[in-house]
N, C-alpha and C. Protein backbone atom coordinates (compact mmCIF):
# COMPACT_ATOMS: atom_id res chain seq x y z
N MET A 1 90.12 24.81 -4.11
CA MET A 1 90.00 25.64 -5.30
C MET A 1 91.40 25.87 -5.88
N ILE A 2 91.51 25.71 -7.17
CA ILE A 2 92.77 25.91 -7.88
C ILE A 2 92.64 27.14 -8.77
N SER A 3 93.60 28.03 -8.68
CA SER A 3 93.65 29.21 -9.56
C SER A 3 94.81 29.05 -10.52
N VAL A 4 94.61 29.51 -11.74
CA VAL A 4 95.65 29.46 -12.76
C VAL A 4 95.78 30.85 -13.37
N ILE A 5 97.02 31.30 -13.49
CA ILE A 5 97.31 32.52 -14.23
C ILE A 5 98.26 32.11 -15.35
N ALA A 6 97.77 32.19 -16.57
CA ALA A 6 98.57 31.84 -17.74
C ALA A 6 98.94 33.13 -18.47
N SER A 7 100.23 33.36 -18.64
CA SER A 7 100.71 34.53 -19.38
C SER A 7 101.14 34.07 -20.75
N ILE A 8 100.48 34.58 -21.77
CA ILE A 8 100.72 34.15 -23.14
C ILE A 8 101.24 35.33 -23.95
N ARG A 9 102.46 35.20 -24.45
CA ARG A 9 103.03 36.21 -25.34
C ARG A 9 102.73 35.79 -26.77
N VAL A 10 102.07 36.68 -27.50
CA VAL A 10 101.75 36.40 -28.89
C VAL A 10 102.69 37.19 -29.80
N LYS A 11 102.81 36.74 -31.03
CA LYS A 11 103.64 37.44 -32.00
C LYS A 11 103.09 38.84 -32.23
N ALA A 12 104.00 39.78 -32.48
CA ALA A 12 103.64 41.18 -32.67
C ALA A 12 102.53 41.33 -33.71
N GLY A 13 101.52 42.10 -33.34
CA GLY A 13 100.43 42.40 -34.24
C GLY A 13 99.38 41.32 -34.37
N ARG A 14 99.47 40.25 -33.57
CA ARG A 14 98.54 39.13 -33.73
C ARG A 14 97.65 38.91 -32.51
N ARG A 15 97.63 39.88 -31.59
CA ARG A 15 96.83 39.72 -30.37
C ARG A 15 95.34 39.59 -30.69
N SER A 16 94.81 40.42 -31.58
CA SER A 16 93.39 40.35 -31.92
C SER A 16 93.02 39.00 -32.51
N GLU A 17 93.87 38.49 -33.37
CA GLU A 17 93.64 37.17 -33.98
C GLU A 17 93.62 36.08 -32.91
N PHE A 18 94.59 36.15 -31.99
CA PHE A 18 94.65 35.19 -30.90
C PHE A 18 93.38 35.25 -30.05
N LEU A 19 92.98 36.47 -29.67
CA LEU A 19 91.80 36.63 -28.82
C LEU A 19 90.53 36.12 -29.49
N GLN A 20 90.42 36.30 -30.78
CA GLN A 20 89.24 35.80 -31.51
C GLN A 20 89.16 34.28 -31.40
N ILE A 21 90.29 33.61 -31.60
CA ILE A 21 90.33 32.14 -31.50
C ILE A 21 90.06 31.71 -30.06
N PHE A 22 90.71 32.39 -29.11
CA PHE A 22 90.54 32.04 -27.70
C PHE A 22 89.08 32.19 -27.27
N LYS A 23 88.49 33.33 -27.57
CA LYS A 23 87.11 33.60 -27.13
C LYS A 23 86.11 32.63 -27.75
N ALA A 24 86.39 32.15 -28.94
CA ALA A 24 85.50 31.17 -29.57
C ALA A 24 85.47 29.86 -28.79
N ASN A 25 86.54 29.59 -28.05
CA ASN A 25 86.66 28.35 -27.28
C ASN A 25 86.11 28.47 -25.85
N VAL A 26 85.96 29.69 -25.37
CA VAL A 26 85.56 29.93 -23.98
C VAL A 26 84.24 29.24 -23.60
N PRO A 27 83.18 29.32 -24.41
CA PRO A 27 81.93 28.66 -24.01
C PRO A 27 82.09 27.16 -23.75
N LYS A 28 82.90 26.48 -24.54
CA LYS A 28 83.13 25.05 -24.33
C LYS A 28 83.87 24.81 -23.02
N VAL A 29 84.85 25.66 -22.74
CA VAL A 29 85.61 25.50 -21.49
C VAL A 29 84.70 25.72 -20.29
N ARG A 30 83.87 26.73 -20.35
CA ARG A 30 82.99 27.04 -19.21
C ARG A 30 81.97 25.95 -18.94
N GLU A 31 81.73 25.10 -19.92
CA GLU A 31 80.83 23.95 -19.73
C GLU A 31 81.53 22.76 -19.09
N GLU A 32 82.86 22.79 -19.02
CA GLU A 32 83.61 21.66 -18.47
C GLU A 32 83.30 21.48 -16.99
N LYS A 33 83.28 20.23 -16.57
CA LYS A 33 83.10 19.90 -15.16
C LYS A 33 84.25 20.50 -14.36
N GLY A 34 83.91 21.26 -13.34
CA GLY A 34 84.93 21.83 -12.45
C GLY A 34 85.40 23.22 -12.82
N CYS A 35 84.96 23.76 -13.95
CA CYS A 35 85.36 25.11 -14.33
C CYS A 35 84.52 26.12 -13.55
N VAL A 36 85.20 27.00 -12.82
CA VAL A 36 84.53 28.03 -12.04
C VAL A 36 84.62 29.37 -12.76
N GLU A 37 85.78 29.63 -13.35
CA GLU A 37 86.02 30.92 -14.01
C GLU A 37 87.08 30.73 -15.08
N TYR A 38 86.92 31.43 -16.22
CA TYR A 38 87.86 31.27 -17.32
C TYR A 38 87.68 32.45 -18.27
N PHE A 39 88.67 33.35 -18.31
CA PHE A 39 88.56 34.50 -19.20
C PHE A 39 89.93 35.08 -19.53
N PRO A 40 90.04 35.72 -20.71
CA PRO A 40 91.27 36.40 -21.09
C PRO A 40 91.25 37.84 -20.59
N ALA A 41 92.43 38.39 -20.34
CA ALA A 41 92.56 39.79 -19.94
C ALA A 41 93.80 40.38 -20.61
N VAL A 42 93.75 41.67 -20.86
CA VAL A 42 94.90 42.37 -21.44
C VAL A 42 95.25 43.56 -20.55
N ASP A 43 96.47 44.04 -20.69
CA ASP A 43 96.94 45.15 -19.88
C ASP A 43 96.08 46.40 -20.09
N VAL A 44 95.85 47.10 -18.99
CA VAL A 44 95.16 48.39 -19.03
C VAL A 44 96.12 49.42 -18.43
N ASP A 45 96.20 50.58 -19.04
CA ASP A 45 97.10 51.62 -18.56
C ASP A 45 96.50 52.25 -17.30
N SER A 46 96.94 51.74 -16.16
CA SER A 46 96.40 52.18 -14.87
C SER A 46 97.20 53.33 -14.28
N GLY A 47 98.42 53.52 -14.77
CA GLY A 47 99.29 54.54 -14.19
C GLY A 47 99.92 54.11 -12.88
N LEU A 48 99.65 52.87 -12.47
CA LEU A 48 100.20 52.37 -11.20
C LEU A 48 101.56 51.72 -11.42
N PRO A 49 102.55 52.11 -10.61
CA PRO A 49 103.84 51.42 -10.71
C PRO A 49 103.73 50.10 -9.97
N PRO A 50 104.47 49.09 -10.27
CA PRO A 50 105.51 49.00 -11.29
C PRO A 50 105.01 48.35 -12.58
N GLN A 51 103.79 48.58 -12.96
CA GLN A 51 103.22 47.95 -14.14
C GLN A 51 103.99 48.31 -15.40
N VAL A 52 104.25 47.27 -16.19
CA VAL A 52 104.85 47.45 -17.51
C VAL A 52 103.82 46.96 -18.52
N LEU A 53 103.38 47.86 -19.39
CA LEU A 53 102.37 47.51 -20.39
C LEU A 53 103.00 46.71 -21.52
N ASP A 54 102.28 45.71 -22.00
CA ASP A 54 102.78 44.87 -23.08
C ASP A 54 101.61 44.51 -24.00
N GLU A 55 101.59 45.09 -25.18
CA GLU A 55 100.47 44.87 -26.10
C GLU A 55 100.47 43.47 -26.72
N ASN A 56 101.53 42.72 -26.50
CA ASN A 56 101.61 41.36 -27.05
C ASN A 56 101.38 40.29 -25.99
N MET A 57 100.91 40.69 -24.81
CA MET A 57 100.68 39.75 -23.72
C MET A 57 99.18 39.61 -23.46
N VAL A 58 98.75 38.37 -23.31
CA VAL A 58 97.38 38.07 -22.91
C VAL A 58 97.48 37.23 -21.64
N THR A 59 96.74 37.60 -20.62
CA THR A 59 96.73 36.86 -19.37
C THR A 59 95.39 36.13 -19.26
N ILE A 60 95.47 34.84 -19.00
CA ILE A 60 94.27 34.03 -18.83
C ILE A 60 94.08 33.78 -17.34
N ILE A 61 92.90 34.12 -16.84
CA ILE A 61 92.56 33.92 -15.43
C ILE A 61 91.60 32.73 -15.36
N GLU A 62 91.98 31.73 -14.58
CA GLU A 62 91.18 30.51 -14.48
C GLU A 62 90.97 30.13 -13.02
N LYS A 63 89.83 29.53 -12.74
CA LYS A 63 89.58 28.90 -11.43
C LYS A 63 88.93 27.56 -11.69
N TRP A 64 89.44 26.56 -10.98
CA TRP A 64 88.97 25.18 -11.13
C TRP A 64 88.67 24.60 -9.76
N GLU A 65 87.70 23.71 -9.70
CA GLU A 65 87.33 23.08 -8.43
C GLU A 65 88.43 22.18 -7.89
N SER A 66 89.26 21.61 -8.79
CA SER A 66 90.30 20.67 -8.35
C SER A 66 91.40 20.59 -9.40
N LEU A 67 92.53 20.01 -8.99
CA LEU A 67 93.62 19.75 -9.95
C LEU A 67 93.17 18.75 -11.01
N GLU A 68 92.35 17.80 -10.61
CA GLU A 68 91.83 16.81 -11.56
C GLU A 68 91.04 17.50 -12.68
N ALA A 69 90.20 18.46 -12.31
CA ALA A 69 89.42 19.20 -13.31
C ALA A 69 90.34 19.98 -14.24
N LEU A 70 91.38 20.58 -13.69
CA LEU A 70 92.36 21.31 -14.51
C LEU A 70 93.07 20.36 -15.47
N ARG A 71 93.50 19.23 -14.97
CA ARG A 71 94.19 18.25 -15.84
C ARG A 71 93.26 17.76 -16.95
N ASP A 72 92.01 17.49 -16.62
CA ASP A 72 91.05 17.06 -17.64
C ASP A 72 90.86 18.15 -18.69
N HIS A 73 90.82 19.39 -18.26
CA HIS A 73 90.69 20.53 -19.17
C HIS A 73 91.81 20.54 -20.21
N LEU A 74 93.01 20.30 -19.76
CA LEU A 74 94.17 20.38 -20.66
C LEU A 74 94.16 19.33 -21.76
N THR A 75 93.43 18.25 -21.56
CA THR A 75 93.38 17.18 -22.57
C THR A 75 92.03 17.09 -23.27
N ALA A 76 91.14 18.04 -22.99
CA ALA A 76 89.82 18.04 -23.65
C ALA A 76 89.99 18.24 -25.16
N PRO A 77 89.18 17.57 -25.97
CA PRO A 77 89.31 17.70 -27.43
C PRO A 77 89.29 19.14 -27.94
N HIS A 78 88.43 19.99 -27.38
CA HIS A 78 88.39 21.38 -27.84
C HIS A 78 89.66 22.14 -27.47
N MET A 79 90.33 21.75 -26.38
CA MET A 79 91.59 22.40 -26.02
C MET A 79 92.71 21.95 -26.95
N LEU A 80 92.72 20.69 -27.33
CA LEU A 80 93.73 20.21 -28.27
C LEU A 80 93.54 20.90 -29.62
N ALA A 81 92.30 21.10 -30.05
CA ALA A 81 92.03 21.81 -31.30
C ALA A 81 92.47 23.27 -31.20
N TYR A 82 92.17 23.91 -30.07
CA TYR A 82 92.58 25.30 -29.83
C TYR A 82 94.10 25.44 -29.91
N LYS A 83 94.82 24.53 -29.27
CA LYS A 83 96.29 24.59 -29.28
C LYS A 83 96.83 24.52 -30.70
N GLY A 84 96.21 23.69 -31.53
CA GLY A 84 96.63 23.60 -32.93
C GLY A 84 96.40 24.89 -33.69
N LYS A 85 95.31 25.58 -33.38
CA LYS A 85 94.97 26.83 -34.07
C LYS A 85 95.89 27.98 -33.69
N VAL A 86 96.42 27.98 -32.46
CA VAL A 86 97.22 29.13 -32.00
C VAL A 86 98.73 28.85 -31.98
N LYS A 87 99.14 27.65 -32.34
CA LYS A 87 100.56 27.30 -32.20
C LYS A 87 101.49 28.23 -32.96
N ASP A 88 101.06 28.78 -34.10
CA ASP A 88 101.91 29.67 -34.88
C ASP A 88 101.75 31.14 -34.47
N ILE A 89 100.87 31.41 -33.52
CA ILE A 89 100.64 32.77 -33.03
C ILE A 89 101.37 33.00 -31.71
N VAL A 90 101.43 31.97 -30.88
CA VAL A 90 102.01 32.08 -29.53
C VAL A 90 103.53 31.99 -29.60
N GLU A 91 104.19 32.97 -28.95
CA GLU A 91 105.65 32.96 -28.85
C GLU A 91 106.12 32.28 -27.57
N ASP A 92 105.39 32.52 -26.47
CA ASP A 92 105.83 32.01 -25.17
C ASP A 92 104.61 31.87 -24.25
N LEU A 93 104.74 30.96 -23.31
CA LEU A 93 103.67 30.71 -22.36
C LEU A 93 104.28 30.40 -21.00
N SER A 94 103.74 31.02 -19.96
CA SER A 94 104.14 30.64 -18.60
C SER A 94 102.88 30.46 -17.78
N LEU A 95 102.94 29.51 -16.86
CA LEU A 95 101.79 29.17 -16.02
C LEU A 95 102.12 29.32 -14.55
N LYS A 96 101.15 29.81 -13.79
CA LYS A 96 101.21 29.78 -12.33
C LYS A 96 99.96 29.03 -11.90
N VAL A 97 100.15 27.89 -11.26
CA VAL A 97 99.04 27.11 -10.72
C VAL A 97 99.09 27.29 -9.21
N LEU A 98 98.00 27.79 -8.64
CA LEU A 98 98.01 28.24 -7.25
C LEU A 98 96.84 27.66 -6.46
N GLN A 99 97.03 27.58 -5.15
CA GLN A 99 95.93 27.28 -4.25
C GLN A 99 95.96 28.31 -3.13
N GLU A 100 94.81 28.54 -2.54
CA GLU A 100 94.72 29.53 -1.48
C GLU A 100 95.59 29.13 -0.30
N ALA A 101 96.30 30.08 0.25
CA ALA A 101 97.21 29.82 1.38
C ALA A 101 96.46 29.84 2.70
């Protein structure tokens, strides 16, 4: 099982726009072979340290059956279209690709 945590920083004031585009693509991703879990999440004020709230950050939580399924996901036509739609909204992206220890 492969887990992915993608941290996406969007331009100030554009988080809702980004999430609308992202969520429209989720049903197609969930139909992909090997997709176990795929959803966006935003910071919640939990009051727990050392959390730093960031209204311009969206975290994507993903689980895939294999690295091959993840790689196929990244080149799927709907993902290429999604990337084109959000390219002017996203400021920065970092990925953590993980496997259970």
